[in-house]
C-alpha atoms as a PDB file:
ATOM      1  CA  GLU A   1     -76.685  42.897 -34.624  1.00  0.00           C
ATOM      2  CA  ASP A   2     -73.661  41.380 -32.896  1.00  0.00           C
ATOM      3  CA  ASP A   3     -76.029  39.955 -30.267  1.00  0.00           C
ATOM      4  CA  PHE A   4     -77.660  37.796 -32.943  1.00  0.00           C
ATOM      5  CA  GLN A   5     -74.583  36.378 -34.678  1.00  0.00           C
ATOM      6  CA  PHE A   6     -75.638  32.981 -33.315  1.00  0.00           C
ATOM      7  CA  LEU A   7     -78.435  32.952 -35.917  1.00  0.00           C
ATOM      8  CA  LEU A   8     -75.906  32.540 -38.750  1.00  0.00           C
ATOM      9  CA  CYS A   9     -74.620  29.262 -40.144  1.00  0.00           C
ATOM     10  CA  GLU A  10     -71.822  28.218 -37.803  1.00  0.00           C
ATOM     11  CA  GLN A  11     -69.478  27.305 -40.651  1.00  0.00           C
ATOM     12  CA  CYS A  12     -69.906  29.959 -43.363  1.00  0.00           C
ATOM     13  CA  GLN A  13     -71.285  32.644 -40.998  1.00  0.00           C
ATOM     14  CA  GLN A  14     -73.986  33.519 -43.538  1.00  0.00           C
ATOM     15  CA  GLU A  15     -77.698  34.037 -42.998  1.00  0.00           C
ATOM     16  CA  SER A  16     -79.880  31.273 -44.397  1.00  0.00           C
ATOM     17  CA  PRO A  17     -83.636  30.553 -44.344  1.00  0.00           C
ATOM     18  CA  ASN A  18     -82.917  26.806 -44.262  1.00  0.00           C
ATOM     19  CA  LEU A  19     -80.886  26.219 -41.131  1.00  0.00           C
ATOM     20  CA  LYS A  20     -80.577  22.599 -40.021  1.00  0.00           C
ATOM     21  CA  LEU A  21     -79.885  21.352 -36.506  1.00  0.00           C
ATOM     22  CA  LEU A  22     -77.516  18.375 -36.361  1.00  0.00           C
ATOM     23  CA  THR A  23     -77.482  15.748 -33.623  1.00  0.00           C
ATOM     24  CA  CYS A  24     -74.331  17.390 -32.229  1.00  0.00           C
ATOM     25  CA  LEU A  25     -76.479  20.566 -31.849  1.00  0.00           C
ATOM     26  CA  HIS A  26     -74.451  22.600 -34.328  1.00  0.00           C
ATOM     27  CA  THR A  27     -76.486  24.596 -36.835  1.00  0.00           C
ATOM     28  CA  LEU A  28     -75.541  24.617 -40.520  1.00  0.00           C
ATOM     29  CA  CYS A  29     -77.117  25.819 -43.726  1.00  0.00           C
ATOM     30  CA  ARG A  30     -78.001  23.428 -46.542  1.00  0.00           C
ATOM     31  CA  SER A  31     -75.064  24.586 -48.657  1.00  0.00           C
ATOM     32  CA  CYS A  32     -72.491  23.745 -45.970  1.00  0.00           C
ATOM     33  CA  LEU A  33     -74.194  20.414 -45.317  1.00  0.00           C
ATOM     34  CA  ARG A  34     -73.923  19.497 -48.996  1.00  0.00           C
ATOM     35  CA  LYS A  35     -70.236  20.458 -49.056  1.00  0.00           C
ATOM     36  CA  ASN A  36     -69.525  18.239 -46.046  1.00  0.00           C
ATOM     37  CA  LYS A  37     -71.791  15.402 -47.184  1.00  0.00           C
ATOM     38  CA  PRO A  38     -68.877  13.195 -48.443  1.00  0.00           C
ATOM     39  CA  THR A  39     -67.209  13.208 -45.008  1.00  0.00           C
ATOM     40  CA  GLY A  40     -70.373  12.299 -43.112  1.00  0.00           C
ATOM     41  CA  GLN A  41     -69.151  14.491 -40.236  1.00  0.00           C
ATOM     42  CA  CYS A  42     -70.016  17.811 -38.676  1.00  0.00           C
ATOM     43  CA  PRO A  43     -67.398  20.324 -39.907  1.00  0.00           C
ATOM     44  CA  MET A  44     -67.371  22.041 -36.509  1.00  0.00           C
ATOM     45  CA  CYS A  45     -66.788  19.125 -34.108  1.00  0.00           C
ATOM     46  CA  GLN A  46     -66.124  16.196 -36.525  1.00  0.00           C
ATOM     47  CA  MET A  47     -68.882  14.154 -34.892  1.00  0.00           C
ATOM     48  CA  ALA A  48     -70.342  11.503 -37.189  1.00  0.00           C
ATOM     49  CA  ASN A  49     -73.607  12.667 -38.716  1.00  0.00           C
ATOM     50  CA  PRO A  50     -76.190   9.825 -38.618  1.00  0.00           C
ATOM     51  CA  GLN A  51     -77.836  11.326 -41.692  1.00  0.00           C
ATOM     52  CA  GLY A  52     -74.592  12.045 -43.501  1.00  0.00           C
ATOM     53  CA  SER A  53     -76.024  10.553 -46.683  1.00  0.00           C
ATOM     54  CA  GLY A  54     -78.693  13.256 -46.768  1.00  0.00           C
ATOM     55  CA  ILE A  55     -79.851  16.501 -45.177  1.00  0.00           C
ATOM     56  CA  PRO A  56     -80.854  16.172 -41.495  1.00  0.00           C
ATOM     57  CA  ASN A  57     -84.617  16.369 -40.999  1.00  0.00           C
ATOM     58  CA  MET A  58     -84.565  18.660 -37.967  1.00  0.00           C
ATOM     59  CA  ASP A  59     -85.073  22.297 -38.921  1.00  0.00           C
ATOM     60  CA  ASN A  60     -83.728  24.813 -36.443  1.00  0.00           C
ATOM     61  CA  LEU A  61     -87.129  26.405 -35.980  1.00  0.00           C
ATOM     62  CA  LEU A  62     -85.879  28.776 -33.290  1.00  0.00           C
ATOM     63  CA  PHE A  63     -83.187  30.349 -35.472  1.00  0.00           C
ATOM     64  CA  THR A  64     -85.347  30.392 -38.617  1.00  0.00           C
ATOM     65  CA  ASN A  65     -88.251  32.103 -36.825  1.00  0.00           C
ATOM     66  CA  LEU A  66     -85.938  34.584 -35.104  1.00  0.00           C
ATOM     67  CA  GLN A  67     -84.449  35.518 -38.469  1.00  0.00           C
ATOM     68  CA  ALA A  68     -87.934  36.151 -39.873  1.00  0.00           C
ATOM     69  CA  LYS A  69     -88.868  38.298 -36.856  1.00  0.00           C
ATOM     70  CA  LEU A  70     -85.662  40.307 -37.076  1.00  0.00           C
ATOM     71  CA  LYS A  71     -86.323  40.990 -40.761  1.00  0.00           C
ATOM     72  CA  VAL A  72     -89.667  42.537 -39.797  1.00  0.00           C
ATOM     73  CA  TYR A  73     -87.990  44.555 -37.038  1.00  0.00           C
ATOM     74  CA  LYS A  74     -85.338  45.795 -39.484  1.00  0.00           C
ATOM     75  CA  LYS A  75     -88.063  46.745 -41.953  1.00  0.00           C
ATOM     76  CA  ILE A  76     -89.772  48.783 -39.233  1.00  0.00           C
ATOM     77  CA  VAL A  77     -86.694  50.562 -37.849  1.00  0.00           C
ATOM     78  CA  ASP A  78     -85.243  51.357 -41.296  1.00  0.00           C
ATOM     79  CA  GLY A  79     -87.911  54.058 -41.589  1.00  0.00           C
ATOM     80  CA  GLY A  80     -89.320  53.036 -44.952  1.00  0.00           C
ATOM     81  CA  ASP A  81     -92.983  53.332 -45.904  1.00  0.00           C
ATOM     82  CA  LEU A  82     -95.161  50.675 -44.282  1.00  0.00           C
ATOM     83  CA  PHE A  83     -98.586  49.772 -45.634  1.00  0.00           C
ATOM     84  CA  CYS A  84    -101.575  48.041 -44.111  1.00  0.00           C
ATOM     85  CA  ASP A  85    -101.765  44.451 -45.349  1.00  0.00           C
ATOM     86  CA  ASN A  86    -105.571  44.754 -45.628  1.00  0.00           C
ATOM     87  CA  CYS A  87    -106.353  48.145 -47.184  1.00  0.00           C
ATOM     88  CA  LYS A  88    -102.864  49.346 -48.236  1.00  0.00           C
ATOM     89  CA  LYS A  89    -103.114  52.550 -46.191  1.00  0.00           C
ATOM     90  CA  ALA A  90    -100.222  53.701 -44.013  1.00  0.00           C
ATOM     91  CA  GLY A  91     -99.332  50.939 -41.574  1.00  0.00           C
ATOM     92  CA  GLU A  92     -99.195  52.241 -38.010  1.00  0.00           C
ATOM     93  CA  PHE A  93     -99.529  48.976 -36.058  1.00  0.00           C
ATOM     94  CA  TRP A  94     -97.948  45.533 -36.231  1.00  0.00           C
ATOM     95  CA  CYS A  95     -99.622  42.328 -35.010  1.00  0.00           C
ATOM     96  CA  SER A  96     -97.025  39.603 -34.447  1.00  0.00           C
ATOM     97  CA  SER A  97     -99.767  36.952 -34.204  1.00  0.00           C
ATOM     98  CA  CYS A  98    -101.354  37.845 -37.544  1.00  0.00           C
ATOM     99  CA  LYS A  99     -97.966  38.904 -38.964  1.00  0.00           C
ATOM    100  CA  GLU A 100     -99.654  41.927 -40.532  1.00  0.00           C
ATOM    101  CA  PHE A 101     -99.242  45.688 -40.605  1.00  0.00           C
ATOM    102  CA  LEU A 102    -102.466  47.536 -39.782  1.00  0.00           C
ATOM    103  CA  CYS A 103    -103.751  51.046 -40.369  1.00  0.00           C
ATOM    104  CA  THR A 104    -105.743  52.793 -37.619  1.00  0.00           C
ATOM    105  CA  ASN A 105    -109.145  51.626 -38.897  1.00  0.00           C
ATOM    106  CA  CYS A 106    -108.048  48.020 -39.404  1.00  0.00           C
ATOM    107  CA  PHE A 107    -106.410  48.092 -35.982  1.00  0.00           C
ATOM    108  CA  GLU A 108    -109.717  49.040 -34.333  1.00  0.00           C
ATOM    109  CA  VAL A 109    -111.477  46.189 -36.119  1.00  0.00           C
ATOM    110  CA  HIS A 110    -108.633  43.862 -35.182  1.00  0.00           C
ATOM    111  CA  GLN A 111    -108.910  44.772 -31.522  1.00  0.00           C
ATOM    112  CA  ARG A 112    -112.676  44.343 -31.556  1.00  0.00           C
ATOM    113  CA  TYR A 113    -112.609  40.790 -32.909  1.00  0.00           C
ATOM    114  CA  LEU A 114    -109.192  39.303 -31.995  1.00  0.00           C
ATOM    115  CA  LYS A 115    -108.269  40.821 -28.660  1.00  0.00           C
ATOM    116  CA  ARG A 116    -109.891  37.908 -26.857  1.00  0.00           C
ATOM    117  CA  GLU A 117    -107.518  35.575 -28.667  1.00  0.00           C
ATOM    118  CA  SER A 118    -104.556  37.347 -27.047  1.00  0.00           C
ATOM    119  CA  HIS A 119    -103.567  39.168 -30.213  1.00  0.00           C
ATOM    120  CA  GLU A 120    -101.538  42.179 -29.184  1.00  0.00           C
ATOM    121  CA  ALA A 121    -100.811  44.739 -31.871  1.00  0.00           C
ATOM    122  CA  LYS A 122     -98.131  47.342 -31.131  1.00  0.00           C
ATOM    123  CA  ARG A 123     -97.598  50.796 -32.516  1.00  0.00           C
ATOM    124  CA  VAL A 124     -94.846  50.994 -35.120  1.00  0.00           C
ATOM    125  CA  VAL A 125     -93.397  54.082 -33.417  1.00  0.00           C
ATOM    126  CA  ASP A 126     -93.139  52.176 -30.122  1.00  0.00           C
ATOM    127  CA  ILE A 127     -91.351  49.294 -31.841  1.00  0.00           C
ATOM    128  CA  ARG A 128     -88.894  51.726 -33.439  1.00  0.00           C
ATOM    129  CA  ALA A 129     -88.178  53.301 -30.070  1.00  0.00           C
ATOM    130  CA  GLY A 130     -87.382  49.930 -28.483  1.00  0.00           C
ATOM    131  CA  SER A 131     -84.533  47.496 -29.008  1.00  0.00           C
ATOM    132  CA  ALA A 132     -84.537  44.298 -31.026  1.00  0.00           C
ATOM    133  CA  LYS A 133     -84.525  42.300 -27.790  1.00  0.00           C
ATOM    134  CA  ASP A 134     -87.627  44.156 -26.565  1.00  0.00           C
ATOM    135  CA  TYR A 135     -89.351  43.428 -29.860  1.00  0.00           C
ATOM    136  CA  LEU A 136     -88.483  39.726 -29.745  1.00  0.00           C
ATOM    137  CA  GLU A 137     -89.591  39.484 -26.128  1.00  0.00           C
ATOM    138  CA  GLY A 138     -92.962  40.963 -27.090  1.00  0.00           C
ATOM    139  CA  THR A 139     -93.451  38.515 -29.953  1.00  0.00           C
ATOM    140  CA  ARG A 140     -92.469  35.654 -27.657  1.00  0.00           C
ATOM    141  CA  LYS A 141     -95.200  36.519 -25.181  1.00  0.00           C
ATOM    142  CA  THR A 142     -97.877  36.679 -27.865  1.00  0.00           C
ATOM    143  CA  SER A 143     -96.782  33.555 -29.698  1.00  0.00           C
ATOM    144  CA  ASP A 144     -99.610  30.995 -29.938  1.00  0.00           C
ATOM    145  CA  LEU A 145     -99.368  27.227 -29.933  1.00  0.00           C
ATOM    146  CA  SER A 146    -101.010  25.215 -32.684  1.00  0.00           C
ATOM    147  CA  CYS A 147    -103.236  22.220 -32.119  1.00  0.00           C
ATOM    148  CA  SER A 148    -101.718  18.931 -33.297  1.00  0.00           C
ATOM    149  CA  ASN A 149    -104.937  18.309 -35.254  1.00  0.00           C
ATOM    150  CA  PRO A 150    -104.377  20.024 -38.641  1.00  0.00           C
ATOM    151  CA  THR A 151    -108.113  20.845 -38.935  1.00  0.00           C
ATOM    152  CA  HIS A 152    -108.038  22.810 -35.660  1.00  0.00           C
ATOM    153  CA  LYS A 153    -105.151  25.169 -36.411  1.00  0.00           C
ATOM    154  CA  SER A 154    -107.304  28.202 -35.639  1.00  0.00           C
ATOM    155  CA  GLN A 155    -108.281  26.915 -32.181  1.00  0.00           C
ATOM    156  CA  THR A 156    -106.570  28.200 -29.051  1.00  0.00           C
ATOM    157  CA  VAL A 157    -104.366  25.560 -27.469  1.00  0.00           C
ATOM    158  CA  SER A 158    -104.368  25.347 -23.690  1.00  0.00           C
ATOM    159  CA  LEU A 159    -103.990  21.618 -22.943  1.00  0.00           C
ATOM    160  CA  TYR A 160    -101.281  18.996 -23.232  1.00  0.00           C
ATOM    161  CA  CYS A 161    -102.017  15.270 -23.482  1.00  0.00           C
ATOM    162  CA  ASN A 162     -99.543  13.281 -21.395  1.00  0.00           C
ATOM    163  CA  LYS A 163    -100.518  10.066 -23.179  1.00  0.00           C
ATOM    164  CA  CYS A 164     -99.847  11.084 -26.790  1.00  0.00           C
ATOM    165  CA  GLU A 165     -97.468  13.930 -25.807  1.00  0.00           C
ATOM    166  CA  LYS A 166     -99.176  16.510 -28.016  1.00  0.00           C
ATOM    167  CA  ALA A 167    -100.647  19.981 -27.640  1.00  0.00           C
ATOM    168  CA  LEU A 168    -104.466  19.968 -27.927  1.00  0.00           C
ATOM    169  CA  CYS A 169    -107.316  22.379 -28.188  1.00  0.00           C
ATOM    170  CA  CYS A 170    -110.387  21.955 -25.971  1.00  0.00           C
ATOM    171  CA  ILE A 171    -112.402  20.416 -28.816  1.00  0.00           C
ATOM    172  CA  CYS A 172    -109.883  17.577 -29.261  1.00  0.00           C
ATOM    173  CA  ALA A 173    -109.710  17.008 -25.509  1.00  0.00           C
ATOM    174  CA  LEU A 174    -113.511  16.705 -25.222  1.00  0.00           C
ATOM    175  CA  LEU A 175    -114.346  14.752 -28.364  1.00  0.00           C
ATOM    176  CA  ASP A 176    -111.355  12.435 -28.895  1.00  0.00           C
ATOM    177  CA  SER A 177    -111.464   9.544 -26.402  1.00  0.00           C
ATOM    178  CA  GLN A 178    -107.965   8.304 -27.256  1.00  0.00           C
ATOM    179  CA  HIS A 179    -106.386  11.069 -25.208  1.00  0.00           C
ATOM    180  CA  GLY A 180    -105.487  10.440 -21.570  1.00  0.00           C
ATOM    181  CA  SER A 181    -104.611  12.735 -18.689  1.00  0.00           C
ATOM    182  CA  PHE A 182    -104.191  16.430 -19.424  1.00  0.00           C
ATOM    183  CA  CYS A 183    -102.200  19.295 -18.017  1.00  0.00           C
ATOM    184  CA  ASP A 184    -101.897  22.988 -18.772  1.00  0.00           C
ATOM    185  CA  ILE A 185     -99.822  23.533 -21.922  1.00  0.00           C
ATOM    186  CA  ARG A 186     -97.950  26.449 -20.341  1.00  0.00           C
ATOM    187  CA  ARG A 187     -96.957  24.244 -17.444  1.00  0.00           C
ATOM    188  CA  GLU A 188     -95.719  21.599 -19.880  1.00  0.00           C
ATOM    189  CA  THR A 189     -93.635  24.088 -21.873  1.00  0.00           C
ATOM    190  CA  GLN A 190     -92.203  25.417 -18.609  1.00  0.00           C
ATOM    191  CA  ARG A 191     -91.445  21.857 -17.482  1.00  0.00           C
ATOM    192  CA  ARG A 192     -89.622  21.157 -20.733  1.00  0.00           C
ATOM    193  CA  GLN A 193     -87.616  24.355 -20.428  1.00  0.00           C
ATOM    194  CA  GLU A 194     -86.703  23.464 -16.844  1.00  0.00           C
ATOM    195  CA  GLU A 195     -85.789  19.931 -17.924  1.00  0.00           C
ATOM    196  CA  LEU A 196     -83.414  21.295 -20.552  1.00  0.00           C
ATOM    197  CA  GLY A 197     -82.010  23.757 -18.009  1.00  0.00           C
ATOM    198  CA  THR A 198     -81.371  20.940 -15.522  1.00  0.00           C
ATOM    199  CA  MET A 199     -79.643  18.862 -18.180  1.00  0.00           C
ATOM    200  CA  VAL A 200     -77.451  21.828 -19.112  1.00  0.00           C
ATOM    201  CA  GLN A 201     -76.475  22.291 -15.460  1.00  0.00           C
ATOM    202  CA  GLU A 202     -75.544  18.609 -15.238  1.00  0.00           C
ATOM    203  CA  LEU A 203     -73.538  18.963 -18.430  1.00  0.00           C
ATOM    204  CA  LYS A 204     -71.739  21.986 -16.963  1.00  0.00           C
ATOM    205  CA  GLN A 205     -70.547  19.797 -14.107  1.00  0.00           C
ATOM    206  CA  LYS A 206     -69.478  17.125 -16.563  1.00  0.00           C
ATOM    207  CA  ARG A 207     -67.906  19.752 -18.774  1.00  0.00           C
ATOM    208  CA  SER A 208     -65.375  20.552 -16.061  1.00  0.00           C
ATOM    209  CA  VAL A 209     -64.167  16.946 -16.291  1.00  0.00           C
ATOM    210  CA  PHE A 210     -63.853  17.216 -20.072  1.00  0.00           C
ATOM    211  CA  GLU A 211     -62.082  20.566 -19.762  1.00  0.00           C
ATOM    212  CA  ALA A 212     -59.603  19.047 -17.292  1.00  0.00           C
ATOM    213  CA  THR A 213     -59.038  16.134 -19.667  1.00  0.00           C
ATOM    214  CA  TYR A 214     -58.671  18.571 -22.552  1.00  0.00           C
ATOM    215  CA  LEU A 215     -56.031  20.524 -20.625  1.00  0.00           C
ATOM    216  CA  MET A 216     -54.232  17.275 -19.813  1.00  0.00           C
ATOM    217  CA  LEU A 217     -54.251  16.312 -23.492  1.00  0.00           C
ATOM    218  CA  GLN A 218     -53.001  19.767 -24.443  1.00  0.00           C
ATOM    219  CA  ASP A 219     -50.233  19.406 -21.867  1.00  0.00           C
ATOM    220  CA  ALA A 220     -49.408  15.942 -23.205  1.00  0.00           C
ATOM    221  CA  ALA A 221     -49.323  17.331 -26.746  1.00  0.00           C
ATOM    222  CA  ALA A 222     -47.030  20.152 -25.596  1.00  0.00           C
ATOM    223  CA  ARG A 223     -44.748  17.677 -23.825  1.00  0.00           C
ATOM    224  CA  LEU A 224     -44.711  15.487 -26.906  1.00  0.00           C
ATOM    225  CA  GLU A 225     -43.802  18.482 -29.046  1.00  0.00           C
ATOM    226  CA  GLN A 226     -41.095  19.477 -26.566  1.00  0.00           C
ATOM    227  CA  ALA A 227     -39.739  15.918 -26.412  1.00  0.00           C
ATOM    228  CA  GLN A 228     -39.732  15.785 -30.194  1.00  0.00           C
ATOM    229  CA  GLY A 229     -37.816  19.066 -30.367  1.00  0.00           C
ATOM    230  CA  GLU A 230     -35.322  17.916 -27.742  1.00  0.00           C
ATOM    231  CA  MET A 231     -34.833  14.580 -29.499  1.00  0.00           C
ATOM    232  CA  ARG A 232     -34.341  16.400 -32.790  1.00  0.00           C
ATOM    233  CA  GLU A 233     -31.624  18.528 -31.165  1.00  0.00           C
ATOM    234  CA  VAL A 234     -29.983  15.440 -29.625  1.00  0.00           C
ATOM    235  CA  ILE A 235     -30.016  13.672 -32.988  1.00  0.00           C
ATOM    236  CA  GLN A 236     -28.567  16.690 -34.774  1.00  0.00           C
ATOM    237  CA  GLU A 237     -25.902  17.136 -32.094  1.00  0.00           C
ATOM    238  CA  ARG A 238     -25.031  13.438 -32.142  1.00  0.00           C
ATOM    239  CA  VAL A 239     -24.895  13.382 -35.929  1.00  0.00           C
ATOM    240  CA  GLN A 240     -22.574  16.388 -35.879  1.00  0.00           C
ATOM    241  CA  GLN A 241     -20.370  14.592 -33.368  1.00  0.00           C
ATOM    242  CA  LEU A 242     -20.358  11.495 -35.548  1.00  0.00           C
ATOM    243  CA  VAL A 243     -19.558  13.585 -38.610  1.00  0.00           C
ATOM    244  CA  GLN A 244     -16.662  15.211 -36.757  1.00  0.00           C
ATOM    245  CA  LEU A 245     -15.510  11.805 -35.532  1.00  0.00           C
ATOM    246  CA  ILE A 246     -15.705  10.370 -39.035  1.00  0.00           C
ATOM    247  CA  ARG A 247     -13.843  13.349 -40.456  1.00  0.00           C
ATOM    248  CA  GLN A 248     -11.185  12.968 -37.773  1.00  0.00           C
ATOM    249  CA  GLU A 249     -11.004   9.260 -38.542  1.00  0.00           C
ATOM    250  CA  GLU A 250     -10.770  10.140 -42.224  1.00  0.00           C
ATOM    251  CA  GLU A 251      -7.819  12.446 -41.620  1.00  0.00           C
ATOM    252  CA  GLU A 252      -6.052   9.861 -39.449  1.00  0.00           C
ATOM    253  CA  MET A 253      -6.605   7.069 -41.971  1.00  0.00           C
ATOM    254  CA  LEU A 254      -5.459   9.264 -44.851  1.00  0.00           C
ATOM    255  CA  VAL A 255      -2.289  10.020 -42.893  1.00  0.00           C
ATOM    256  CA  LEU A 256      -1.923   6.299 -42.170  1.00  0.00           C
ATOM    257  CA  VAL A 257      -2.419   5.455 -45.844  1.00  0.00           C
ATOM    258  CA  GLU A 258       0.121   8.063 -46.851  1.00  0.00           C
ATOM    259  CA  THR A 259       2.576   6.760 -44.241  1.00  0.00           C
ATOM    260  CA  ARG A 260       2.075   3.165 -45.305  1.00  0.00           C
ATOM    261  CA  GLN A 261       2.337   4.159 -48.929  1.00  0.00           C
ATOM    262  CA  GLU A 262       5.628   5.960 -48.314  1.00  0.00           C
ATOM    263  CA  GLN A 263       6.890   3.010 -46.297  1.00  0.00           C
ATOM    264  CA  GLY A 264       5.836   0.704 -49.102  1.00  0.00           C
ATOM    265  CA  ARG A 265       7.658   2.860 -51.638  1.00  0.00           C
ATOM    266  CA  ARG A 266      10.880   2.681 -49.628  1.00  0.00           C
ATOM    267  CA  GLU A 267      10.561  -1.072 -49.118  1.00  0.00           C
ATOM    268  CA  LEU A 268       9.846  -1.609 -52.807  1.00  0.00           C
ATOM    269  CA  ALA A 269      12.800   0.596 -53.725  1.00  0.00           C
ATOM    270  CA  ARG A 270      15.081  -1.523 -51.530  1.00  0.00           C
ATOM    271  CA  GLU A 271      13.654  -4.726 -52.971  1.00  0.00           C
ATOM    272  CA  LEU A 272      14.029  -3.434 -56.502  1.00  0.00           C
ATOM    273  CA  GLN A 273      17.609  -2.418 -55.806  1.00  0.00           C
ATOM    274  CA  HIS A 274      18.286  -5.830 -54.274  1.00  0.00           C
ATOM    275  CA  MET A 275      16.684  -7.605 -57.237  1.00  0.00           C
ATOM    276  CA  GLU A 276      18.700  -5.530 -59.670  1.00  0.00           C
ATOM    277  CA  GLY A 277      21.890  -6.478 -57.801  1.00  0.00           C
ATOM    278  CA  VAL A 278      20.979 -10.184 -57.836  1.00  0.00           C
ATOM    279  CA  LEU A 279      20.160 -10.073 -61.534  1.00  0.00           C
ATOM    280  CA  GLN A 280      23.415  -8.274 -62.252  1.00  0.00           C
ATOM    281  CA  ARG A 281      25.340 -10.915 -60.237  1.00  0.00           C
ATOM    282  CA  MET A 282      23.577 -13.665 -62.192  1.00  0.00           C
ATOM    283  CA  GLU A 283      24.440 -11.996 -65.486  1.00  0.00           C
ATOM    284  CA  ALA A 284      28.020 -11.530 -64.335  1.00  0.00           C
ATOM    285  CA  SER A 285      28.261 -15.189 -63.253  1.00  0.00           C
ATOM    286  CA  GLU A 286      26.836 -16.376 -66.557  1.00  0.00           C
ATOM    287  CA  ARG A 287      29.295 -14.250 -68.507  1.00  0.00           C
ATOM    288  CA  LEU A 288      32.210 -15.343 -66.344  1.00  0.00           C
ATOM    289  CA  VAL A 289      31.403 -19.072 -66.582  1.00  0.00           C
ATOM    290  CA  LYS A 290      30.865 -18.732 -70.327  1.00  0.00           C
ATOM    291  CA  ASN A 291      34.164 -16.898 -70.794  1.00  0.00           C
ATOM    292  CA  MET A 292      35.958 -19.455 -68.639  1.00  0.00           C
ATOM    293  CA  SER A 293      34.578 -22.273 -70.745  1.00  0.00           C
ATOM    294  CA  LEU A 294      35.834 -20.483 -73.841  1.00  0.00           C
ATOM    295  CA  TYR A 295      39.136 -19.041 -72.785  1.00  0.00           C
ATOM    296  CA  ALA A 296      40.301 -20.314 -69.343  1.00  0.00           C
ATOM    297  CA  THR A 297      43.310 -22.612 -69.027  1.00  0.00           C
ATOM    298  CA  GLU A 298      43.224 -25.653 -66.817  1.00  0.00           C
ATOM    299  CA  GLN A 299      45.348 -23.870 -64.243  1.00  0.00           C
ATOM    300  CA  GLU A 300      42.954 -20.891 -64.217  1.00  0.00           C
ATOM    301  CA  VAL A 301      39.993 -23.236 -63.784  1.00  0.00           C
ATOM    302  CA  MET A 302      41.664 -24.992 -60.890  1.00  0.00           C
ATOM    303  CA  ASP A 303      42.542 -21.724 -59.196  1.00  0.00           C
ATOM    304  CA  MET A 304      39.239 -19.832 -59.700  1.00  0.00           C
ATOM    305  CA  GLN A 305      36.594 -22.588 -59.647  1.00  0.00           C
ATOM    306  CA  PRO A 306      36.270 -22.869 -55.823  1.00  0.00           C
ATOM    307  CA  PHE A 307      35.712 -19.135 -55.429  1.00  0.00           C
ATOM    308  CA  ILE A 308      33.215 -18.930 -58.299  1.00  0.00           C
ATOM    309  CA  LYS A 309      31.424 -22.049 -57.038  1.00  0.00           C
ATOM    310  CA  LYS A 310      30.994 -20.496 -53.599  1.00  0.00           C
ATOM    311  CA  SER A 311      29.500 -17.335 -55.155  1.00  0.00           C
ATOM    312  CA  LEU A 312      27.138 -19.355 -57.342  1.00  0.00           C
ATOM    313  CA  GLU A 313      25.996 -21.398 -54.334  1.00  0.00           C
ATOM    314  CA  ASP A 314      25.227 -18.153 -52.484  1.00  0.00           C
ATOM    315  CA  LEU A 315      23.194 -16.995 -55.503  1.00  0.00           C
ATOM    316  CA  LYS A 316      21.249 -20.259 -55.534  1.00  0.00           C
ATOM    317  CA  GLN A 317      20.272 -19.734 -51.902  1.00  0.00           C
ATOM    318  CA  LEU A 318      18.633 -16.401 -52.693  1.00  0.00           C
ATOM    319  CA  GLN A 319      14.790 -16.302 -53.067  1.00  0.00           C
ATOM    320  CA  PRO A 320      12.566 -13.653 -54.716  1.00  0.00           C
ATOM    321  CA  ALA A 321      10.801 -11.184 -52.385  1.00  0.00           C
ATOM    322  CA  ALA A 322       7.358 -12.719 -53.152  1.00  0.00           C
ATOM    323  CA  ALA A 323       8.446 -16.014 -51.641  1.00  0.00           C
ATOM    324  CA  ARG A 324       9.556 -14.436 -48.379  1.00  0.00           C
ATOM    325  CA  ASP A 325       7.427 -14.543 -45.211  1.00  0.00           C
ATOM    326  CA  GLN A 326       7.058 -10.775 -44.743  1.00  0.00           C
ATOM    327  CA  THR A 327       4.371  -8.078 -44.911  1.00  0.00           C
ATOM    328  CA  GLN A 328       3.842  -6.895 -48.430  1.00  0.00           C
ATOM    329  CA  PRO A 329       4.343  -3.189 -49.137  1.00  0.00           C
ATOM    330  CA  GLY A 330       1.063  -1.291 -49.420  1.00  0.00           C
ATOM    331  CA  ASP A 331      -0.887  -3.580 -47.045  1.00  0.00           C
ATOM    332  CA  PHE A 332      -3.819  -1.492 -45.687  1.00  0.00           C
ATOM    333  CA  ALA A 333      -5.402  -4.109 -43.395  1.00  0.00           C
ATOM    334  CA  GLU A 334      -5.492  -1.705 -40.443  1.00  0.00           C
ATOM    335  CA  CYS A 335      -7.357   0.913 -42.512  1.00  0.00           C
ATOM    336  CA  ARG A 336      -9.876  -1.674 -43.674  1.00  0.00           C
ATOM    337  CA  ALA A 337     -10.444  -2.802 -40.089  1.00  0.00           C
ATOM    338  CA  ARG A 338     -11.024   0.760 -38.910  1.00  0.00           C
ATOM    339  CA  LEU A 339     -13.436   1.400 -41.787  1.00  0.00           C
ATOM    340  CA  GLN A 340     -15.328  -1.754 -40.884  1.00  0.00           C
ATOM    341  CA  ALA A 341     -15.594  -0.574 -37.272  1.00  0.00           C
ATOM    342  CA  LEU A 342     -17.239   2.739 -38.220  1.00  0.00           C
END
């Protein structure tokens, strides 16, 4: 049975009596074709299906007929009771041309009247003793061609019309004047087989080119995947370096901020102390001048005024810290510049 797995639908791997042959030469059952109808593509090779809007017209006659023949073979080899299709007695012969089981009496009649038409009936016991391939080979040899004229289906076909490209019986060849040159039908079928064989050989040569291209594309895909992986590692490594650098910069700037903050505290403490001293001097000068105006004698004024005046002039020369041309405590310009540079 493994030798005939090719008879199954190539997608669902199920047996079907309605196998269809697509233009890409893949074989699918109707069910799989309906499922893939929206895509308009073959599910096996993704080739566009010209008849994607419907079911392809080409039946895979080879696979369908082989399935039917194998069912008969299985029925024979399973050992069940077989009956003559004419008289219902025990069937001991099988005619692949008539597709009938025959008893001994019907077989003798069959041979008397149909042997000239190349009907070859085989014993059931002989079929059971042989393989499925032997059985199919026997049915292939006895298979008859049908005349293209539907009214002459029972006639033996031996000719092929090269003009209309159809198989003909002798009656059609003699009576129908529209036909042209003829050749033996067996020769034509052999020619067609050889033509297909030649095309397959040519495709084998071309296939090597496609296989080489396929390998190149696989290699390119592998290189792309490798390059992507390497770039991912480089990015991760670089990001880690940047993170470490930023963390290092963070630590340095935090230390700088702390240092500047401590420096600013000390500077502000000095300024505050200085301001407190100035304010105390001003208060002292105000109190002294006020007390002098209230209680000092003229002699005391004359003696002390120059000294007090000099001190007051020194106080007037003093300016608040905000008016000085100096860096303000807590100035983090360097930190801002380093942050901007990140």
